[in-house]
Amino acid sequence: MENNKAHRSPLFYVGDKYKLFPSISKHFPSKINRFIEPFTGGGSVFLNSTANEYHINDIDSNVIKLHNFLLKSATSPVKFFKSIKSYILKYKLSHSYINDIIPPSLRKEYKKTYYAKFNKSAFNTLKHDYNKSSRKDPLKLYFLLIFGFNRMLRFNSSGNYNLPVGNVDFNKNVKSALDYYFQFASVNSIKTYNLDFLDFIKSFDFSQNDFVYLDPPYLITFSEYNKLWDDVNESRLLFLLDYLNSINVKFAISNVTHYKGKVNLQFLNWSKKYYSHSIKSNYISYHDNSKKSFNEVLITNYPTKSSISKLNLSNELAKA
């Protein structure tokens, strides 16, 4: 994968690293046998990495359901897009990748939200159909992701999808992302898992050139994705990383050390044992779609050309 370009996952996941991939991947090992990812999310990192095998995991069963659906669909993309078109016509959702059907009058009246206004009724029907049908149709789930608010997945205590419509469209970017995913999946070995991150890592008998990349929920930020993460999980994660280091498995972990006056001291103190790389981030909060003052880093247990020395790490991070 070229370091100056990255492809986005068609899951458009919150916290997606595709824009940051060039900054992150330059610190990856030059040779990777198995690319192992405990918190894969949308998968933009594995989709842009070069390895012999890919092992991707997420605790969210719906995320893995979508990956499995897309991996299966990669064997017959023509059939997949026929189904896409059929659903678009059935629900009358916007689809500018084929045809722009938004009335000019609606664009004029709702200059910044016309997609949401146009798709709202159809989206609500789709949501009702998905929830009523025991939530078994992965194609409906994918449509809910694409047309839902902030392109997220959220469910209530009964397991029903409960986000409102987003101001989004099935556009050429979605089509391009799907095309790339299918192309990548057709030529690579990809295995999915739906496990707790610790159980996932325990399932491996590690060998030479295995590499673990981690982008866990961030302890001190406020995204929906992070709401179930706590100090206990953070401790479990850091213990796991020390274990990987003790058996000479290379890892890289993305995290935020400073955010809106908060400091993740647990991670910060732990990271002093390893190598830190400053990452210019594009993190956007689910609750507030604006960029915030924070410090994002990539920590590795191996040195690279741009590594900050362990001796100076604490001083560098204190400046954030």
C-alpha atoms as a PDB file:
ATOM      1  CA  MET A   1       0.000   0.000   0.000  1.00  0.00           C
ATOM      2  CA  GLU A   2       1.340   3.430  -0.937  1.00  0.00           C
ATOM      3  CA  ASN A   3       2.001   5.640   2.083  1.00  0.00           C
ATOM      4  CA  ASN A   4       0.500   8.752   0.493  1.00  0.00           C
ATOM      5  CA  LYS A   5      -2.918   7.293  -0.223  1.00  0.00           C
ATOM      6  CA  ALA A   6      -5.509   5.238   1.620  1.00  0.00           C
ATOM      7  CA  HIS A   7      -8.876   3.735   0.796  1.00  0.00           C
ATOM      8  CA  ARG A   8     -11.831   4.156   3.121  1.00  0.00           C
ATOM      9  CA  SER A   9     -13.835   1.237   4.422  1.00  0.00           C
ATOM     10  CA  PRO A  10     -17.447   1.054   3.164  1.00  0.00           C
ATOM     11  CA  LEU A  11     -18.528   0.831   6.823  1.00  0.00           C
ATOM     12  CA  PHE A  12     -17.539   4.495   7.390  1.00  0.00           C
ATOM     13  CA  TYR A  13     -16.945   3.714  11.058  1.00  0.00           C
ATOM     14  CA  VAL A  14     -16.661   6.356  13.791  1.00  0.00           C
ATOM     15  CA  GLY A  15     -12.977   6.899  14.538  1.00  0.00           C
ATOM     16  CA  ASP A  16     -12.050   5.585  11.089  1.00  0.00           C
ATOM     17  CA  LYS A  17      -8.287   5.801  10.555  1.00  0.00           C
ATOM     18  CA  TYR A  18      -8.198   6.017   6.786  1.00  0.00           C
ATOM     19  CA  LYS A  19      -7.111   9.680   6.732  1.00  0.00           C
ATOM     20  CA  LEU A  20      -4.462   8.955   9.353  1.00  0.00           C
ATOM     21  CA  PHE A  21      -3.275   5.724   7.775  1.00  0.00           C
ATOM     22  CA  PRO A  22      -0.270   7.287   5.984  1.00  0.00           C
ATOM     23  CA  SER A  23       0.948   8.757   9.289  1.00  0.00           C
ATOM     24  CA  ILE A  24       0.365   5.506  11.164  1.00  0.00           C
ATOM     25  CA  SER A  25       1.516   2.952   8.613  1.00  0.00           C
ATOM     26  CA  LYS A  26       4.972   4.481   8.144  1.00  0.00           C
ATOM     27  CA  HIS A  27       5.703   3.072  11.606  1.00  0.00           C
ATOM     28  CA  PHE A  28       4.494  -0.451  10.767  1.00  0.00           C
ATOM     29  CA  PRO A  29       6.989  -3.290  10.247  1.00  0.00           C
ATOM     30  CA  SER A  30       8.158  -3.666   6.655  1.00  0.00           C
ATOM     31  CA  LYS A  31       7.225  -7.346   6.624  1.00  0.00           C
ATOM     32  CA  ILE A  32       3.999  -8.672   8.153  1.00  0.00           C
ATOM     33  CA  ASN A  33       2.918 -12.288   8.086  1.00  0.00           C
ATOM     34  CA  ARG A  34      -0.358 -12.128  10.012  1.00  0.00           C
ATOM     35  CA  PHE A  35      -1.991  -8.741  10.546  1.00  0.00           C
ATOM     36  CA  ILE A  36      -3.947  -9.139  13.790  1.00  0.00           C
ATOM     37  CA  GLU A  37      -6.475  -6.475  14.779  1.00  0.00           C
ATOM     38  CA  PRO A  38      -8.468  -6.826  18.037  1.00  0.00           C
ATOM     39  CA  PHE A  39     -10.567  -3.641  17.507  1.00  0.00           C
ATOM     40  CA  THR A  40     -11.129  -3.593  13.778  1.00  0.00           C
ATOM     41  CA  GLY A  41     -14.190  -1.313  13.596  1.00  0.00           C
ATOM     42  CA  GLY A  42     -14.747  -0.373   9.969  1.00  0.00           C
ATOM     43  CA  GLY A  43     -11.456  -1.972   8.977  1.00  0.00           C
ATOM     44  CA  SER A  44      -9.725   0.856   7.131  1.00  0.00           C
ATOM     45  CA  VAL A  45      -6.345  -0.072   8.643  1.00  0.00           C
ATOM     46  CA  PHE A  46      -6.319  -3.726   7.643  1.00  0.00           C
ATOM     47  CA  LEU A  47      -7.776  -2.801   4.234  1.00  0.00           C
ATOM     48  CA  ASN A  48      -4.763  -0.604   3.544  1.00  0.00           C
ATOM     49  CA  SER A  49      -2.059  -2.836   5.024  1.00  0.00           C
ATOM     50  CA  THR A  50       0.081  -5.452   3.322  1.00  0.00           C
ATOM     51  CA  ALA A  51       0.238  -8.881   4.952  1.00  0.00           C
ATOM     52  CA  ASN A  52      -0.035 -12.565   4.140  1.00  0.00           C
ATOM     53  CA  GLU A  53      -3.137 -13.020   6.314  1.00  0.00           C
ATOM     54  CA  TYR A  54      -5.632 -10.774   8.099  1.00  0.00           C
ATOM     55  CA  HIS A  55      -7.338 -11.651  11.373  1.00  0.00           C
ATOM     56  CA  ILE A  56      -9.914  -9.044  12.358  1.00  0.00           C
ATOM     57  CA  ASN A  57     -11.978  -8.919  15.523  1.00  0.00           C
ATOM     58  CA  ASP A  58     -14.617  -6.706  17.095  1.00  0.00           C
ATOM     59  CA  ILE A  59     -16.752  -7.141  20.207  1.00  0.00           C
ATOM     60  CA  ASP A  60     -19.680  -5.564  18.343  1.00  0.00           C
ATOM     61  CA  SER A  61     -21.497  -8.455  16.664  1.00  0.00           C
ATOM     62  CA  ASN A  62     -23.226  -6.115  14.189  1.00  0.00           C
ATOM     63  CA  VAL A  63     -19.892  -4.785  12.943  1.00  0.00           C
ATOM     64  CA  ILE A  64     -18.647  -8.325  12.353  1.00  0.00           C
ATOM     65  CA  LYS A  65     -21.988  -9.240  10.771  1.00  0.00           C
ATOM     66  CA  LEU A  66     -21.416  -6.502   8.206  1.00  0.00           C
ATOM     67  CA  HIS A  67     -17.825  -7.546   7.537  1.00  0.00           C
ATOM     68  CA  ASN A  68     -18.941 -11.154   7.040  1.00  0.00           C
ATOM     69  CA  PHE A  69     -21.713  -9.987   4.720  1.00  0.00           C
ATOM     70  CA  LEU A  70     -19.315  -7.911   2.612  1.00  0.00           C
ATOM     71  CA  LEU A  71     -16.682 -10.645   2.538  1.00  0.00           C
ATOM     72  CA  LYS A  72     -19.295 -13.091   1.276  1.00  0.00           C
ATOM     73  CA  SER A  73     -20.583 -10.539  -1.238  1.00  0.00           C
ATOM     74  CA  ALA A  74     -17.047 -10.093  -2.592  1.00  0.00           C
ATOM     75  CA  THR A  75     -17.472 -13.423  -4.384  1.00  0.00           C
ATOM     76  CA  SER A  76     -20.343 -11.982  -6.453  1.00  0.00           C
ATOM     77  CA  PRO A  77     -20.245  -8.159  -6.596  1.00  0.00           C
ATOM     78  CA  VAL A  78     -22.660  -8.026  -9.537  1.00  0.00           C
ATOM     79  CA  LYS A  79     -25.319  -9.831  -7.513  1.00  0.00           C
ATOM     80  CA  PHE A  80     -24.624  -7.545  -4.541  1.00  0.00           C
ATOM     81  CA  PHE A  81     -25.133  -4.342  -6.513  1.00  0.00           C
ATOM     82  CA  LYS A  82     -28.298  -5.715  -8.086  1.00  0.00           C
ATOM     83  CA  SER A  83     -29.631  -6.215  -4.563  1.00  0.00           C
ATOM     84  CA  ILE A  84     -28.512  -2.695  -3.638  1.00  0.00           C
ATOM     85  CA  LYS A  85     -30.377  -1.225  -6.580  1.00  0.00           C
ATOM     86  CA  SER A  86     -33.463  -3.296  -5.794  1.00  0.00           C
ATOM     87  CA  TYR A  87     -33.581  -1.977  -2.207  1.00  0.00           C
ATOM     88  CA  ILE A  88     -32.975   1.599  -3.332  1.00  0.00           C
ATOM     89  CA  LEU A  89     -35.918   1.405  -5.719  1.00  0.00           C
ATOM     90  CA  LYS A  90     -38.104  -0.387  -3.182  1.00  0.00           C
ATOM     91  CA  TYR A  91     -37.581   2.231  -0.460  1.00  0.00           C
ATOM     92  CA  LYS A  92     -37.039   5.180  -2.828  1.00  0.00           C
ATOM     93  CA  LEU A  93     -33.820   6.310  -1.167  1.00  0.00           C
ATOM     94  CA  SER A  94     -31.417   8.765  -2.756  1.00  0.00           C
ATOM     95  CA  HIS A  95     -28.689   7.204  -4.905  1.00  0.00           C
ATOM     96  CA  SER A  96     -26.507   9.759  -6.657  1.00  0.00           C
ATOM     97  CA  TYR A  97     -23.979   7.066  -7.593  1.00  0.00           C
ATOM     98  CA  ILE A  98     -26.542   6.119 -10.272  1.00  0.00           C
ATOM     99  CA  ASN A  99     -28.877   9.090 -10.541  1.00  0.00           C
ATOM    100  CA  ASP A 100     -29.451  12.314  -8.593  1.00  0.00           C
ATOM    101  CA  ILE A 101     -33.180  12.323  -7.817  1.00  0.00           C
ATOM    102  CA  ILE A 102     -33.374  15.157  -5.270  1.00  0.00           C
ATOM    103  CA  PRO A 103     -35.968  17.735  -6.488  1.00  0.00           C
ATOM    104  CA  PRO A 104     -34.455  21.196  -7.105  1.00  0.00           C
ATOM    105  CA  SER A 105     -37.163  22.734  -4.929  1.00  0.00           C
ATOM    106  CA  LEU A 106     -36.071  20.620  -1.951  1.00  0.00           C
ATOM    107  CA  ARG A 107     -32.426  21.584  -2.475  1.00  0.00           C
ATOM    108  CA  LYS A 108     -33.432  25.240  -2.499  1.00  0.00           C
ATOM    109  CA  GLU A 109     -35.609  25.044   0.618  1.00  0.00           C
ATOM    110  CA  TYR A 110     -33.224  22.886   2.671  1.00  0.00           C
ATOM    111  CA  LYS A 111     -29.797  23.868   1.388  1.00  0.00           C
ATOM    112  CA  LYS A 112     -27.788  21.928   3.965  1.00  0.00           C
ATOM    113  CA  THR A 113     -30.172  19.123   4.928  1.00  0.00           C
ATOM    114  CA  TYR A 114     -32.007  18.137   1.753  1.00  0.00           C
ATOM    115  CA  TYR A 115     -30.798  14.528   1.832  1.00  0.00           C
ATOM    116  CA  ALA A 116     -32.213  14.064   5.347  1.00  0.00           C
ATOM    117  CA  LYS A 117     -35.520  15.641   4.344  1.00  0.00           C
ATOM    118  CA  PHE A 118     -35.759  13.521   1.204  1.00  0.00           C
ATOM    119  CA  ASN A 119     -34.819  10.197   2.839  1.00  0.00           C
ATOM    120  CA  LYS A 120     -36.540  10.541   6.230  1.00  0.00           C
ATOM    121  CA  SER A 121     -39.801   8.733   5.468  1.00  0.00           C
ATOM    122  CA  ALA A 122     -38.137   5.955   3.470  1.00  0.00           C
ATOM    123  CA  PHE A 123     -35.464   5.515   6.144  1.00  0.00           C
ATOM    124  CA  ASN A 124     -38.061   5.185   8.891  1.00  0.00           C
ATOM    125  CA  THR A 125     -39.862   2.516   6.870  1.00  0.00           C
ATOM    126  CA  LEU A 126     -36.583   0.676   6.359  1.00  0.00           C
ATOM    127  CA  LYS A 127     -35.789   0.903  10.080  1.00  0.00           C
ATOM    128  CA  HIS A 128     -39.238  -0.431  10.969  1.00  0.00           C
ATOM    129  CA  ASP A 129     -38.883  -3.321   8.514  1.00  0.00           C
ATOM    130  CA  TYR A 130     -35.438  -4.240   9.857  1.00  0.00           C
ATOM    131  CA  ASN A 131     -36.488  -4.195  13.501  1.00  0.00           C
ATOM    132  CA  LYS A 132     -39.731  -6.063  12.775  1.00  0.00           C
ATOM    133  CA  SER A 133     -37.941  -8.851  10.880  1.00  0.00           C
ATOM    134  CA  SER A 134     -35.843  -9.959  13.891  1.00  0.00           C
ATOM    135  CA  ARG A 135     -32.885  -7.965  12.568  1.00  0.00           C
ATOM    136  CA  LYS A 136     -31.572 -10.789  10.381  1.00  0.00           C
ATOM    137  CA  ASP A 137     -31.112  -9.046   7.023  1.00  0.00           C
ATOM    138  CA  PRO A 138     -27.505  -7.780   6.712  1.00  0.00           C
ATOM    139  CA  LEU A 139     -28.320  -5.780   3.576  1.00  0.00           C
ATOM    140  CA  LYS A 140     -30.988  -3.804   5.453  1.00  0.00           C
ATOM    141  CA  LEU A 141     -28.468  -3.282   8.254  1.00  0.00           C
ATOM    142  CA  TYR A 142     -25.951  -1.961   5.745  1.00  0.00           C
ATOM    143  CA  PHE A 143     -28.532   0.474   4.373  1.00  0.00           C
ATOM    144  CA  LEU A 144     -29.273   1.670   7.911  1.00  0.00           C
ATOM    145  CA  LEU A 145     -25.556   2.296   8.383  1.00  0.00           C
ATOM    146  CA  ILE A 146     -25.221   4.214   5.118  1.00  0.00           C
ATOM    147  CA  PHE A 147     -28.337   6.354   5.547  1.00  0.00           C
ATOM    148  CA  GLY A 148     -28.329   6.670   9.342  1.00  0.00           C
ATOM    149  CA  PHE A 149     -27.189   9.603  11.459  1.00  0.00           C
ATOM    150  CA  ASN A 150     -23.397  10.010  11.321  1.00  0.00           C
ATOM    151  CA  ARG A 151     -23.290   6.603   9.591  1.00  0.00           C
ATOM    152  CA  MET A 152     -23.303   4.861  12.942  1.00  0.00           C
ATOM    153  CA  LEU A 153     -24.808   1.701  14.417  1.00  0.00           C
ATOM    154  CA  ARG A 154     -26.786   2.160  17.629  1.00  0.00           C
ATOM    155  CA  PHE A 155     -29.395  -0.072  19.248  1.00  0.00           C
ATOM    156  CA  ASN A 156     -31.729   0.262  22.225  1.00  0.00           C
ATOM    157  CA  SER A 157     -32.031  -2.152  25.153  1.00  0.00           C
ATOM    158  CA  SER A 158     -34.420  -4.310  23.124  1.00  0.00           C
ATOM    159  CA  GLY A 159     -31.863  -4.694  20.356  1.00  0.00           C
ATOM    160  CA  ASN A 160     -33.686  -2.456  17.895  1.00  0.00           C
ATOM    161  CA  TYR A 161     -31.779  -0.027  15.695  1.00  0.00           C
ATOM    162  CA  ASN A 162     -32.740   3.442  16.947  1.00  0.00           C
ATOM    163  CA  LEU A 163     -30.840   6.181  15.135  1.00  0.00           C
ATOM    164  CA  PRO A 164     -32.606   8.825  13.021  1.00  0.00           C
ATOM    165  CA  VAL A 165     -31.915   9.448   9.355  1.00  0.00           C
ATOM    166  CA  GLY A 166     -28.670  11.189   8.446  1.00  0.00           C
ATOM    167  CA  ASN A 167     -28.046  13.911   5.920  1.00  0.00           C
ATOM    168  CA  VAL A 168     -26.340  11.401   3.645  1.00  0.00           C
ATOM    169  CA  ASP A 169     -26.699   9.655   0.318  1.00  0.00           C
ATOM    170  CA  PHE A 170     -25.674   6.425  -1.414  1.00  0.00           C
ATOM    171  CA  ASN A 171     -23.099   8.289  -3.476  1.00  0.00           C
ATOM    172  CA  LYS A 172     -20.028   7.527  -5.574  1.00  0.00           C
ATOM    173  CA  ASN A 173     -17.810   7.464  -2.481  1.00  0.00           C
ATOM    174  CA  VAL A 174     -19.861   4.586  -1.058  1.00  0.00           C
ATOM    175  CA  LYS A 175     -19.727   2.731  -4.360  1.00  0.00           C
ATOM    176  CA  SER A 176     -15.964   3.268  -4.630  1.00  0.00           C
ATOM    177  CA  ALA A 177     -15.387   2.051  -1.081  1.00  0.00           C
ATOM    178  CA  LEU A 178     -17.412  -1.092  -1.755  1.00  0.00           C
ATOM    179  CA  ASP A 179     -15.553  -1.764  -4.993  1.00  0.00           C
ATOM    180  CA  TYR A 180     -12.208  -1.542  -3.202  1.00  0.00           C
ATOM    181  CA  TYR A 181     -13.361  -3.759  -0.311  1.00  0.00           C
ATOM    182  CA  PHE A 182     -14.511  -6.441  -2.753  1.00  0.00           C
ATOM    183  CA  GLN A 183     -11.291  -6.247  -4.744  1.00  0.00           C
ATOM    184  CA  PHE A 184      -9.167  -6.497  -1.584  1.00  0.00           C
ATOM    185  CA  ALA A 185     -11.220  -9.371  -0.175  1.00  0.00           C
ATOM    186  CA  SER A 186     -11.010 -11.320  -3.430  1.00  0.00           C
ATOM    187  CA  VAL A 187      -7.210 -11.575  -3.287  1.00  0.00           C
ATOM    188  CA  ASN A 188      -6.508 -11.781   0.453  1.00  0.00           C
ATOM    189  CA  SER A 189      -7.078 -14.228   3.284  1.00  0.00           C
ATOM    190  CA  ILE A 190      -9.334 -12.562   5.866  1.00  0.00           C
ATOM    191  CA  LYS A 191     -10.742 -14.265   8.959  1.00  0.00           C
ATOM    192  CA  THR A 192     -13.247 -12.579  11.283  1.00  0.00           C
ATOM    193  CA  TYR A 193     -13.865 -12.993  15.009  1.00  0.00           C
ATOM    194  CA  ASN A 194     -16.470 -11.660  17.454  1.00  0.00           C
ATOM    195  CA  LEU A 195     -14.648 -11.929  20.784  1.00  0.00           C
ATOM    196  CA  ASP A 196     -13.464  -9.953  23.749  1.00  0.00           C
ATOM    197  CA  PHE A 197     -10.064  -8.570  22.744  1.00  0.00           C
ATOM    198  CA  LEU A 198      -8.224 -10.649  25.355  1.00  0.00           C
ATOM    199  CA  ASP A 199      -9.894 -13.897  24.278  1.00  0.00           C
ATOM    200  CA  PHE A 200      -9.101 -13.012  20.674  1.00  0.00           C
ATOM    201  CA  ILE A 201      -5.384 -12.585  21.357  1.00  0.00           C
ATOM    202  CA  LYS A 202      -5.278 -15.748  23.474  1.00  0.00           C
ATOM    203  CA  SER A 203      -6.446 -17.734  20.446  1.00  0.00           C
ATOM    204  CA  PHE A 204      -3.143 -17.210  18.619  1.00  0.00           C
ATOM    205  CA  ASP A 205       0.036 -19.211  18.678  1.00  0.00           C
ATOM    206  CA  PHE A 206       2.280 -16.348  17.601  1.00  0.00           C
ATOM    207  CA  SER A 207       5.064 -16.777  15.085  1.00  0.00           C
ATOM    208  CA  GLN A 208       7.711 -14.663  13.404  1.00  0.00           C
ATOM    209  CA  ASN A 209       6.512 -11.463  11.676  1.00  0.00           C
ATOM    210  CA  ASP A 210       3.075 -11.496  13.247  1.00  0.00           C
ATOM    211  CA  PHE A 211       1.948  -7.939  13.973  1.00  0.00           C
ATOM    212  CA  VAL A 212      -0.825  -6.661  16.239  1.00  0.00           C
ATOM    213  CA  TYR A 213      -2.391  -3.260  15.559  1.00  0.00           C
ATOM    214  CA  LEU A 214      -4.810  -1.876  18.129  1.00  0.00           C
ATOM    215  CA  ASP A 215      -7.192   1.058  17.960  1.00  0.00           C
ATOM    216  CA  PRO A 216      -9.193   0.570  21.156  1.00  0.00           C
ATOM    217  CA  PRO A 217     -11.936   2.812  22.526  1.00  0.00           C
ATOM    218  CA  TYR A 218     -10.383   5.937  24.003  1.00  0.00           C
ATOM    219  CA  LEU A 219     -10.784   6.229  27.758  1.00  0.00           C
ATOM    220  CA  ILE A 220     -11.030  10.035  27.926  1.00  0.00           C
ATOM    221  CA  THR A 221     -13.131  10.893  24.857  1.00  0.00           C
ATOM    222  CA  PHE A 222     -16.901  10.927  24.520  1.00  0.00           C
ATOM    223  CA  SER A 223     -17.851   9.060  21.343  1.00  0.00           C
ATOM    224  CA  GLU A 224     -20.650   6.515  21.419  1.00  0.00           C
ATOM    225  CA  TYR A 225     -17.985   3.974  20.471  1.00  0.00           C
ATOM    226  CA  ASN A 226     -16.138   4.631  23.747  1.00  0.00           C
ATOM    227  CA  LYS A 227     -19.010   4.631  26.236  1.00  0.00           C
ATOM    228  CA  LEU A 228     -18.503   1.068  27.503  1.00  0.00           C
ATOM    229  CA  TRP A 229     -14.745   1.414  27.966  1.00  0.00           C
ATOM    230  CA  ASP A 230     -13.443   1.983  31.488  1.00  0.00           C
ATOM    231  CA  ASP A 231     -10.315   1.861  33.670  1.00  0.00           C
ATOM    232  CA  VAL A 232     -10.651  -1.893  34.121  1.00  0.00           C
ATOM    233  CA  ASN A 233     -10.633  -2.529  30.370  1.00  0.00           C
ATOM    234  CA  GLU A 234      -7.747  -0.106  29.967  1.00  0.00           C
ATOM    235  CA  SER A 235      -5.747  -2.074  32.555  1.00  0.00           C
ATOM    236  CA  ARG A 236      -6.572  -5.378  30.851  1.00  0.00           C
ATOM    237  CA  LEU A 237      -5.405  -3.929  27.552  1.00  0.00           C
ATOM    238  CA  LEU A 238      -2.101  -2.618  28.890  1.00  0.00           C
ATOM    239  CA  PHE A 239      -1.431  -5.933  30.632  1.00  0.00           C
ATOM    240  CA  LEU A 240      -2.015  -7.694  27.308  1.00  0.00           C
ATOM    241  CA  LEU A 241       0.416  -5.409  25.504  1.00  0.00           C
ATOM    242  CA  ASP A 242       3.122  -6.022  28.089  1.00  0.00           C
ATOM    243  CA  TYR A 243       2.554  -9.738  27.584  1.00  0.00           C
ATOM    244  CA  LEU A 244       2.928  -9.401  23.806  1.00  0.00           C
ATOM    245  CA  ASN A 245       6.148  -7.495  24.332  1.00  0.00           C
ATOM    246  CA  SER A 246       7.455 -10.212  26.662  1.00  0.00           C
ATOM    247  CA  ILE A 247       7.040 -12.852  23.938  1.00  0.00           C
ATOM    248  CA  ASN A 248       8.575 -10.581  21.253  1.00  0.00           C
ATOM    249  CA  VAL A 249       5.407  -9.886  19.289  1.00  0.00           C
ATOM    250  CA  LYS A 250       5.465  -6.490  17.620  1.00  0.00           C
ATOM    251  CA  PHE A 251       2.512  -4.213  18.312  1.00  0.00           C
ATOM    252  CA  ALA A 252       1.357  -0.674  17.580  1.00  0.00           C
ATOM    253  CA  ILE A 253      -1.475   1.010  19.450  1.00  0.00           C
ATOM    254  CA  SER A 254      -3.319   4.232  18.661  1.00  0.00           C
ATOM    255  CA  ASN A 255      -4.632   6.265  21.571  1.00  0.00           C
ATOM    256  CA  VAL A 256      -5.443   9.753  22.835  1.00  0.00           C
ATOM    257  CA  THR A 257      -3.426  10.928  25.833  1.00  0.00           C
ATOM    258  CA  HIS A 258      -4.904  14.439  26.277  1.00  0.00           C
ATOM    259  CA  TYR A 259      -8.445  15.595  25.484  1.00  0.00           C
ATOM    260  CA  LYS A 260     -10.324  18.733  26.554  1.00  0.00           C
ATOM    261  CA  GLY A 261      -8.297  19.119  29.738  1.00  0.00           C
ATOM    262  CA  LYS A 262      -8.348  15.406  30.565  1.00  0.00           C
ATOM    263  CA  VAL A 263      -5.230  13.256  30.673  1.00  0.00           C
ATOM    264  CA  ASN A 264      -5.116   9.474  30.407  1.00  0.00           C
ATOM    265  CA  LEU A 265      -2.453   9.049  33.075  1.00  0.00           C
ATOM    266  CA  GLN A 266      -2.772   5.262  33.114  1.00  0.00           C
ATOM    267  CA  PHE A 267      -1.885   5.002  29.436  1.00  0.00           C
ATOM    268  CA  LEU A 268       0.614   7.859  29.580  1.00  0.00           C
ATOM    269  CA  ASN A 269       2.644   6.299  32.383  1.00  0.00           C
ATOM    270  CA  TRP A 270       2.507   2.864  30.796  1.00  0.00           C
ATOM    271  CA  SER A 271       3.682   4.184  27.426  1.00  0.00           C
ATOM    272  CA  LYS A 272       6.964   5.485  28.838  1.00  0.00           C
ATOM    273  CA  LYS A 273       8.363   1.950  28.494  1.00  0.00           C
ATOM    274  CA  TYR A 274       7.915   2.031  24.730  1.00  0.00           C
ATOM    275  CA  TYR A 275       8.282   4.288  21.675  1.00  0.00           C
ATOM    276  CA  SER A 276       5.944   7.173  20.929  1.00  0.00           C
ATOM    277  CA  HIS A 277       5.026   8.706  17.586  1.00  0.00           C
ATOM    278  CA  SER A 278       2.943  11.861  17.442  1.00  0.00           C
ATOM    279  CA  ILE A 279      -0.050  11.603  15.084  1.00  0.00           C
ATOM    280  CA  LYS A 280      -1.831  14.634  13.666  1.00  0.00           C
ATOM    281  CA  SER A 281      -5.393  13.493  14.194  1.00  0.00           C
ATOM    282  CA  ASN A 282      -8.820  14.288  12.753  1.00  0.00           C
ATOM    283  CA  TYR A 283     -10.767  13.003  15.749  1.00  0.00           C
ATOM    284  CA  ILE A 284     -14.367  14.285  15.831  1.00  0.00           C
ATOM    285  CA  SER A 285     -16.704  13.706  18.743  1.00  0.00           C
ATOM    286  CA  TYR A 286     -20.065  12.013  18.179  1.00  0.00           C
ATOM    287  CA  HIS A 287     -21.658  14.577  20.514  1.00  0.00           C
ATOM    288  CA  ASP A 288     -19.955  17.613  18.997  1.00  0.00           C
ATOM    289  CA  ASN A 289     -18.911  17.556  15.338  1.00  0.00           C
ATOM    290  CA  SER A 290     -15.956  19.875  15.779  1.00  0.00           C
ATOM    291  CA  LYS A 291     -12.263  19.276  16.125  1.00  0.00           C
ATOM    292  CA  LYS A 292     -10.950  19.437  19.684  1.00  0.00           C
ATOM    293  CA  SER A 293      -7.643  20.158  21.382  1.00  0.00           C
ATOM    294  CA  PHE A 294      -6.062  16.815  22.067  1.00  0.00           C
ATOM    295  CA  ASN A 295      -2.990  14.692  21.553  1.00  0.00           C
ATOM    296  CA  GLU A 296      -3.128  11.433  19.624  1.00  0.00           C
ATOM    297  CA  VAL A 297      -0.170   9.067  19.581  1.00  0.00           C
ATOM    298  CA  LEU A 298       0.928   5.751  18.172  1.00  0.00           C
ATOM    299  CA  ILE A 299       2.919   3.638  20.638  1.00  0.00           C
ATOM    300  CA  THR A 300       5.108   0.805  19.364  1.00  0.00           C
ATOM    301  CA  ASN A 301       7.276  -1.726  21.185  1.00  0.00           C
ATOM    302  CA  TYR A 302       9.967  -1.425  18.537  1.00  0.00           C
ATOM    303  CA  PRO A 303      11.925   1.626  17.340  1.00  0.00           C
ATOM    304  CA  THR A 304      11.447   3.295  13.970  1.00  0.00           C
ATOM    305  CA  LYS A 305      13.335   6.168  12.355  1.00  0.00           C
ATOM    306  CA  SER A 306      11.008   8.777  13.826  1.00  0.00           C
ATOM    307  CA  SER A 307      10.657   7.241  17.296  1.00  0.00           C
ATOM    308  CA  ILE A 308      10.903   9.502  20.299  1.00  0.00           C
ATOM    309  CA  SER A 309      13.443   7.979  22.653  1.00  0.00           C
ATOM    310  CA  LYS A 310      12.112   6.402  25.823  1.00  0.00           C
ATOM    311  CA  LEU A 311      14.245   8.813  27.839  1.00  0.00           C
ATOM    312  CA  ASN A 312      12.530  11.898  26.384  1.00  0.00           C
ATOM    313  CA  LEU A 313       9.049  10.448  26.008  1.00  0.00           C
ATOM    314  CA  SER A 314       7.547  11.815  29.207  1.00  0.00           C
ATOM    315  CA  ASN A 315       8.738  15.341  28.409  1.00  0.00           C
ATOM    316  CA  GLU A 316       7.339  15.191  24.879  1.00  0.00           C
ATOM    317  CA  LEU A 317       3.940  13.974  26.010  1.00  0.00           C
ATOM    318  CA  ALA A 318       3.767  16.570  28.758  1.00  0.00           C
ATOM    319  CA  LYS A 319       3.866  19.277  26.082  1.00  0.00           C
ATOM    320  CA  ALA A 320       0.584  18.060  24.536  1.00  0.00           C
END
